[in-house]
Amino acid sequence: MQAYLVALLAGLVVGVVYSLMNVRSPAPPVIALVGLLGILAGEQIVPLVKRVASGQPVTLSWLRSSCGEHILGPLPGRTAVTDQRRPDQTKADT
């Protein structure tokens, strides 16, 4: 969450500086954001087409693991799951 706040604050500072200098932003924000979303989504088309062409199913879990994190980034409050074992399990249990 901290990274999002820092990014927002940096954007606000740049916006104030642009306004004080009477300069418009380099690209209309909505168009720029839509373009960035298109780039991120477009990067996912090739793996999706490869998966369909190989006859493998495209499941919701595959989309989440392969595409969701890449397009949206790690969402605030989520941590990467590196170990699927429960905390009460030890290596000797497996």
C-alpha atoms as a PDB file:
ATOM      1  CA  MET A   1       0.000   0.000   0.000  1.00  0.00           C
ATOM      2  CA  GLN A   2       2.911   2.312   0.734  1.00  0.00           C
ATOM      3  CA  ALA A   3       4.135   2.149  -2.874  1.00  0.00           C
ATOM      4  CA  TYR A   4       0.705   3.241  -4.109  1.00  0.00           C
ATOM      5  CA  LEU A   5       0.677   6.213  -1.749  1.00  0.00           C
ATOM      6  CA  VAL A   6       4.208   7.224  -2.786  1.00  0.00           C
ATOM      7  CA  ALA A   7       3.224   6.994  -6.455  1.00  0.00           C
ATOM      8  CA  LEU A   8       0.108   9.077  -5.828  1.00  0.00           C
ATOM      9  CA  LEU A   9       2.048  11.710  -3.896  1.00  0.00           C
ATOM     10  CA  ALA A  10       4.752  11.856  -6.590  1.00  0.00           C
ATOM     11  CA  GLY A  11       2.055  12.342  -9.211  1.00  0.00           C
ATOM     12  CA  LEU A  12       0.465  15.116  -7.192  1.00  0.00           C
ATOM     13  CA  VAL A  13       3.821  16.886  -6.806  1.00  0.00           C
ATOM     14  CA  VAL A  14       4.491  16.654 -10.541  1.00  0.00           C
ATOM     15  CA  GLY A  15       0.973  17.934 -11.249  1.00  0.00           C
ATOM     16  CA  VAL A  16       1.522  20.946  -8.997  1.00  0.00           C
ATOM     17  CA  VAL A  17       4.876  21.675 -10.669  1.00  0.00           C
ATOM     18  CA  TYR A  18       3.284  21.417 -14.125  1.00  0.00           C
ATOM     19  CA  SER A  19       0.503  23.756 -13.028  1.00  0.00           C
ATOM     20  CA  LEU A  20       2.934  26.309 -11.595  1.00  0.00           C
ATOM     21  CA  MET A  21       4.904  26.247 -14.852  1.00  0.00           C
ATOM     22  CA  ASN A  22       1.691  26.465 -16.944  1.00  0.00           C
ATOM     23  CA  VAL A  23       2.640  23.243 -18.724  1.00  0.00           C
ATOM     24  CA  ARG A  24       0.162  20.552 -19.689  1.00  0.00           C
ATOM     25  CA  SER A  25       0.967  16.940 -18.964  1.00  0.00           C
ATOM     26  CA  PRO A  26       2.725  15.141 -21.838  1.00  0.00           C
ATOM     27  CA  ALA A  27      -0.264  12.934 -22.582  1.00  0.00           C
ATOM     28  CA  PRO A  28      -3.914  13.066 -21.598  1.00  0.00           C
ATOM     29  CA  PRO A  29      -4.049  10.878 -18.471  1.00  0.00           C
ATOM     30  CA  VAL A  30      -6.980   8.708 -19.534  1.00  0.00           C
ATOM     31  CA  ILE A  31      -5.484   7.971 -22.949  1.00  0.00           C
ATOM     32  CA  ALA A  32      -2.097   7.205 -21.393  1.00  0.00           C
ATOM     33  CA  LEU A  33      -3.591   4.841 -18.825  1.00  0.00           C
ATOM     34  CA  VAL A  34      -5.707   3.049 -21.419  1.00  0.00           C
ATOM     35  CA  GLY A  35      -2.589   2.649 -23.568  1.00  0.00           C
ATOM     36  CA  LEU A  36      -0.636   1.185 -20.664  1.00  0.00           C
ATOM     37  CA  LEU A  37      -3.462  -1.216 -19.885  1.00  0.00           C
ATOM     38  CA  GLY A  38      -3.481  -2.262 -23.540  1.00  0.00           C
ATOM     39  CA  ILE A  39       0.232  -2.980 -23.441  1.00  0.00           C
ATOM     40  CA  LEU A  40      -0.091  -5.099 -20.301  1.00  0.00           C
ATOM     41  CA  ALA A  41      -3.098  -6.983 -21.641  1.00  0.00           C
ATOM     42  CA  GLY A  42      -1.452  -7.446 -25.034  1.00  0.00           C
ATOM     43  CA  GLU A  43       1.540  -9.120 -23.428  1.00  0.00           C
ATOM     44  CA  GLN A  44      -0.803 -11.815 -22.141  1.00  0.00           C
ATOM     45  CA  ILE A  45      -2.247 -12.698 -25.547  1.00  0.00           C
ATOM     46  CA  VAL A  46       0.759 -14.761 -26.690  1.00  0.00           C
ATOM     47  CA  PRO A  47       0.800 -17.138 -23.663  1.00  0.00           C
ATOM     48  CA  LEU A  48      -2.988 -17.456 -23.889  1.00  0.00           C
ATOM     49  CA  VAL A  49      -2.901 -18.335 -27.607  1.00  0.00           C
ATOM     50  CA  LYS A  50      -0.034 -20.806 -27.011  1.00  0.00           C
ATOM     51  CA  ARG A  51      -2.026 -22.508 -24.261  1.00  0.00           C
ATOM     52  CA  VAL A  52      -5.160 -22.767 -26.417  1.00  0.00           C
ATOM     53  CA  ALA A  53      -3.144 -23.978 -29.435  1.00  0.00           C
ATOM     54  CA  SER A  54      -1.540 -26.735 -27.362  1.00  0.00           C
ATOM     55  CA  GLY A  55      -4.971 -27.972 -26.302  1.00  0.00           C
ATOM     56  CA  GLN A  56      -4.556 -27.109 -22.631  1.00  0.00           C
ATOM     57  CA  PRO A  57      -7.581 -25.682 -20.863  1.00  0.00           C
ATOM     58  CA  VAL A  58      -7.678 -22.017 -19.925  1.00  0.00           C
ATOM     59  CA  THR A  59      -8.903 -22.058 -16.356  1.00  0.00           C
ATOM     60  CA  LEU A  60      -9.599 -19.219 -13.977  1.00  0.00           C
ATOM     61  CA  SER A  61      -6.751 -20.352 -11.728  1.00  0.00           C
ATOM     62  CA  TRP A  62      -4.329 -20.299 -14.678  1.00  0.00           C
ATOM     63  CA  LEU A  63      -5.480 -16.803 -15.636  1.00  0.00           C
ATOM     64  CA  ARG A  64      -5.017 -15.589 -12.067  1.00  0.00           C
ATOM     65  CA  SER A  65      -1.557 -17.114 -11.659  1.00  0.00           C
ATOM     66  CA  SER A  66      -0.238 -16.266 -15.115  1.00  0.00           C
ATOM     67  CA  CYS A  67      -1.957 -12.983 -15.941  1.00  0.00           C
ATOM     68  CA  GLY A  68      -3.456 -11.385 -12.848  1.00  0.00           C
ATOM     69  CA  GLU A  69      -0.259 -10.573 -10.997  1.00  0.00           C
ATOM     70  CA  HIS A  70       1.435  -9.345 -14.162  1.00  0.00           C
ATOM     71  CA  ILE A  71      -1.338  -6.974 -15.168  1.00  0.00           C
ATOM     72  CA  LEU A  72      -2.385  -5.704 -11.753  1.00  0.00           C
ATOM     73  CA  GLY A  73       0.799  -6.186  -9.763  1.00  0.00           C
ATOM     74  CA  PRO A  74       0.656  -7.432  -6.208  1.00  0.00           C
ATOM     75  CA  LEU A  75      -2.446  -5.891  -4.717  1.00  0.00           C
ATOM     76  CA  PRO A  76      -2.254  -4.091  -1.363  1.00  0.00           C
ATOM     77  CA  GLY A  77      -2.524  -6.469   1.569  1.00  0.00           C
ATOM     78  CA  ARG A  78      -1.533  -9.547  -0.440  1.00  0.00           C
ATOM     79  CA  THR A  79       1.741 -11.316   0.051  1.00  0.00           C
ATOM     80  CA  ALA A  80       3.345 -13.773  -2.289  1.00  0.00           C
ATOM     81  CA  VAL A  81       2.667 -17.358  -1.251  1.00  0.00           C
ATOM     82  CA  THR A  82       5.988 -19.115  -1.443  1.00  0.00           C
ATOM     83  CA  ASP A  83       5.245 -22.096   0.770  1.00  0.00           C
ATOM     84  CA  GLN A  84       1.936 -23.930   0.463  1.00  0.00           C
ATOM     85  CA  ARG A  85       2.336 -25.801   3.784  1.00  0.00           C
ATOM     86  CA  ARG A  86       0.395 -24.791   6.840  1.00  0.00           C
ATOM     87  CA  PRO A  87       2.444 -22.999   9.526  1.00  0.00           C
ATOM     88  CA  ASP A  88       2.001 -25.971  11.901  1.00  0.00           C
ATOM     89  CA  GLN A  89       3.646 -28.356   9.423  1.00  0.00           C
ATOM     90  CA  THR A  90       7.349 -28.925   9.539  1.00  0.00           C
ATOM     91  CA  LYS A  91       9.678 -30.280   6.889  1.00  0.00           C
ATOM     92  CA  ALA A  92       9.757 -33.582   8.816  1.00  0.00           C
ATOM     93  CA  ASP A  93       5.985 -33.915   8.336  1.00  0.00           C
ATOM     94  CA  THR A  94       6.218 -33.915   4.531  1.00  0.00           C
END
